[in-house]
Protein backbone atom coordinates (compact mmCIF):
# COMPACT_ATOMS: atom_id res chain seq x y z
CA MET A 1 61.66 111.79 99.91
CA LYS A 2 62.93 113.01 96.54
CA PHE A 3 65.17 115.51 98.33
CA MET A 4 66.74 112.72 100.43
CA LYS A 5 67.45 110.65 97.31
CA THR A 6 69.12 113.65 95.67
CA VAL A 7 71.25 114.31 98.75
CA LEU A 8 72.24 110.64 98.95
CA LEU A 9 73.13 110.57 95.24
CA LEU A 10 75.29 113.70 95.61
CA PHE A 11 77.02 112.18 98.63
CA VAL A 12 77.81 108.95 96.75
CA LEU A 13 79.09 110.84 93.71
CA THR A 14 81.28 113.04 95.91
CA MET A 15 82.77 110.00 97.67
CA PHE A 16 83.43 108.28 94.33
CA SER A 17 85.05 111.42 92.95
CA CYS A 18 87.33 111.74 96.00
CA LYS A 19 88.38 108.09 95.82
CA THR A 20 89.05 108.33 92.07
CA LYS A 21 91.13 111.48 92.52
CA SER A 22 93.04 109.83 95.36
CA ALA A 23 93.75 106.74 93.24
CA ILE A 24 94.99 108.90 90.35
CA MET A 25 97.25 110.84 92.71
CA GLN A 26 98.69 107.59 94.10
CA VAL A 27 99.49 106.38 90.57
CA GLU A 28 101.16 109.69 89.74
CA GLU A 29 103.18 109.70 92.98
CA LYS A 30 104.60 106.21 92.51
CA THR A 31 105.74 104.97 89.12
CA SER A 32 106.53 101.38 90.08
CA TYR A 33 106.05 98.80 92.80
CA LEU A 34 107.63 95.53 93.78
CA ASP A 35 105.74 92.27 93.59
CA GLY A 36 108.20 90.17 95.48
CA LYS A 37 111.39 91.28 93.78
CA VAL A 38 110.11 91.94 90.27
CA GLU A 39 109.53 95.64 89.70
CA PHE A 40 106.22 96.33 87.95
CA ILE A 41 105.50 99.78 86.57
CA LYS A 42 102.37 101.68 87.46
CA ALA A 43 100.60 102.66 84.26
CA ILE A 44 97.08 103.80 83.54
CA ASP A 45 96.72 101.36 80.65
CA LEU A 46 98.65 99.08 78.31
CA THR A 47 99.34 101.91 75.85
CA GLU A 48 101.15 103.88 78.55
CA ALA A 49 103.10 100.76 79.56
CA ILE A 50 104.19 100.21 75.95
CA GLU A 51 105.32 103.85 75.76
CA LYS A 52 107.40 103.42 78.93
CA ALA A 53 109.00 100.30 77.47
CA GLU A 54 109.82 102.18 74.27
CA GLU A 55 111.41 105.00 76.27
CA GLN A 56 113.63 102.45 78.06
CA LYS A 57 114.35 100.60 74.79
CA LYS A 58 113.18 97.30 76.24
CA PRO A 59 110.37 94.88 75.42
CA LEU A 60 107.33 94.82 77.70
CA PHE A 61 106.37 91.87 79.91
CA VAL A 62 102.64 91.81 80.71
CA GLU A 63 100.93 89.55 83.22
CA PHE A 64 97.17 89.53 82.65
CA GLU A 65 95.73 88.86 86.11
CA ALA A 66 92.84 89.39 88.52
CA ASP A 67 92.57 89.67 92.30
CA TRP A 68 90.61 86.40 92.54
CA CYS A 69 93.13 84.40 90.45
CA LEU A 70 94.91 81.82 92.62
CA PRO A 71 97.59 80.92 90.02
CA CYS A 72 98.33 84.67 89.72
CA LYS A 73 98.84 84.83 93.49
CA LEU A 74 101.10 81.78 93.30
CA MET A 75 103.27 83.51 90.72
CA SER A 76 103.43 86.62 92.91
CA GLU A 77 104.46 84.58 95.95
CA GLU A 78 106.73 81.98 94.34
CA VAL A 79 108.01 83.21 90.98
CA PHE A 80 108.26 86.99 91.25
CA THR A 81 110.09 86.65 94.59
CA HIS A 82 112.77 84.36 93.09
CA GLN A 83 115.95 86.46 92.94
CA GLU A 84 117.35 85.11 89.64
CA THR A 85 113.98 85.47 87.89
CA ALA A 86 113.45 88.97 89.28
CA ASP A 87 116.95 90.12 88.32
CA PHE A 88 116.49 88.79 84.78
CA LEU A 89 113.06 90.39 84.27
CA ASN A 90 114.07 93.72 85.84
CA LYS A 91 117.23 93.94 83.70
CA ASN A 92 115.73 92.99 80.34
CA PHE A 93 112.08 94.10 80.41
CA VAL A 94 109.63 96.72 81.53
CA ASN A 95 107.18 94.71 83.65
CA TYR A 96 103.46 95.44 83.87
CA LYS A 97 100.51 93.72 85.55
CA LEU A 98 97.19 94.22 83.80
CA ASP A 99 94.06 93.56 85.86
CA ILE A 100 91.39 92.20 83.52
CA GLU A 101 88.69 93.49 85.89
CA THR A 102 89.41 97.13 84.95
CA SER A 103 87.79 98.68 81.87
CA SER A 104 91.07 98.93 79.94
CA GLY A 105 92.05 95.45 81.15
CA ALA A 106 88.80 93.98 79.84
CA THR A 107 89.41 95.60 76.46
CA MET A 108 92.99 94.32 76.27
CA LYS A 109 91.81 90.87 77.40
CA MET A 110 89.55 90.72 74.35
CA LEU A 111 92.17 92.21 72.01
CA TYR A 112 94.83 89.65 73.02
CA GLY A 113 92.38 86.72 73.32
CA VAL A 114 93.07 86.09 76.99
CA ASN A 115 90.93 83.20 78.24
CA ILE A 116 93.17 81.79 80.99
CA LEU A 117 94.74 83.57 83.96
CA PRO A 118 97.45 84.38 84.27
CA THR A 119 98.37 84.96 80.65
CA LEU A 120 101.97 86.06 80.21
CA ILE A 121 102.81 88.03 77.08
CA PHE A 122 106.03 89.73 76.01
CA LEU A 123 105.34 92.63 73.62
CA ASP A 124 107.34 94.83 71.28
CA HIS A 125 106.78 98.61 70.98
CA LYS A 126 103.92 98.13 68.55
CA GLY A 127 102.03 95.84 70.92
CA ARG A 128 102.85 92.69 68.94
CA ALA A 129 103.44 89.50 70.89
CA LEU A 130 107.02 88.24 70.93
CA SER A 131 106.17 85.22 73.08
CA ARG A 132 103.18 84.12 75.12
CA ASN A 133 102.03 81.56 77.68
CA ASP A 134 98.46 80.88 78.77
CA GLY A 135 98.67 79.88 82.43
CA SER A 136 101.25 80.21 85.17
CA LEU A 137 104.91 79.26 84.88
CA MET A 138 107.60 78.57 87.41
CA HIS A 139 111.09 80.11 87.28
CA THR A 140 112.69 78.12 84.49
CA GLY A 141 109.62 78.24 82.25
CA LEU A 142 109.28 82.00 82.64
CA ILE A 143 112.97 82.62 81.92
CA ASN A 144 112.77 80.35 78.85
CA LEU A 145 109.73 82.27 77.58
CA ALA A 146 111.51 85.57 78.28
CA ASN A 147 114.62 84.41 76.40
CA GLU A 148 112.44 83.48 73.42
CA ALA A 149 111.02 87.02 73.48
CA LEU A 150 114.49 88.58 73.76
CA SER A 151 115.73 86.58 70.75
CA LYS A 152 112.81 87.84 68.64
CA TRP A 153 113.25 91.37 70.02
CA GLU A 154 116.94 91.43 69.08
CA ALA A 155 116.23 90.04 65.59
CA VAL A 156 113.60 92.71 64.94
CA ASN A 157 115.82 95.51 66.25
CA GLN A 158 118.83 94.39 64.16
CA ASP A 159 116.72 94.78 61.03
CA SER A 160 115.73 98.35 61.98
């Protein structure tokens, strides 16, 4: 009986290892994906996303989300597919979705005090919030929030 448990445990660990390696390879193969028309980068964690934004000399737009979040799905279906909104976000920001159900997502959720999904935060290269909204927004609201972040971003970068 003990032998069977050991074999089963090894089998489960092997399957987990293969799936993890496969997921890492998929992230490495593809650096971004489209959610509607907004291009979201693939990053292992928020730190990597901030680094990519710094490389591109743009602020970072982060949507804190989860698979079970209906307002998050609404944004994906209605807001991120809107051409004007997508063009504006793709041009001016590095866009990143952060799943709060992952280990790094749970940590960032606590760090940024996320209690409502989706939470939309625009960040500078040091991870400081430029603008923020707790809850979903439609096109105009998201563009207004993004413009607020861009104004703060430009003011900070003029001083540098």
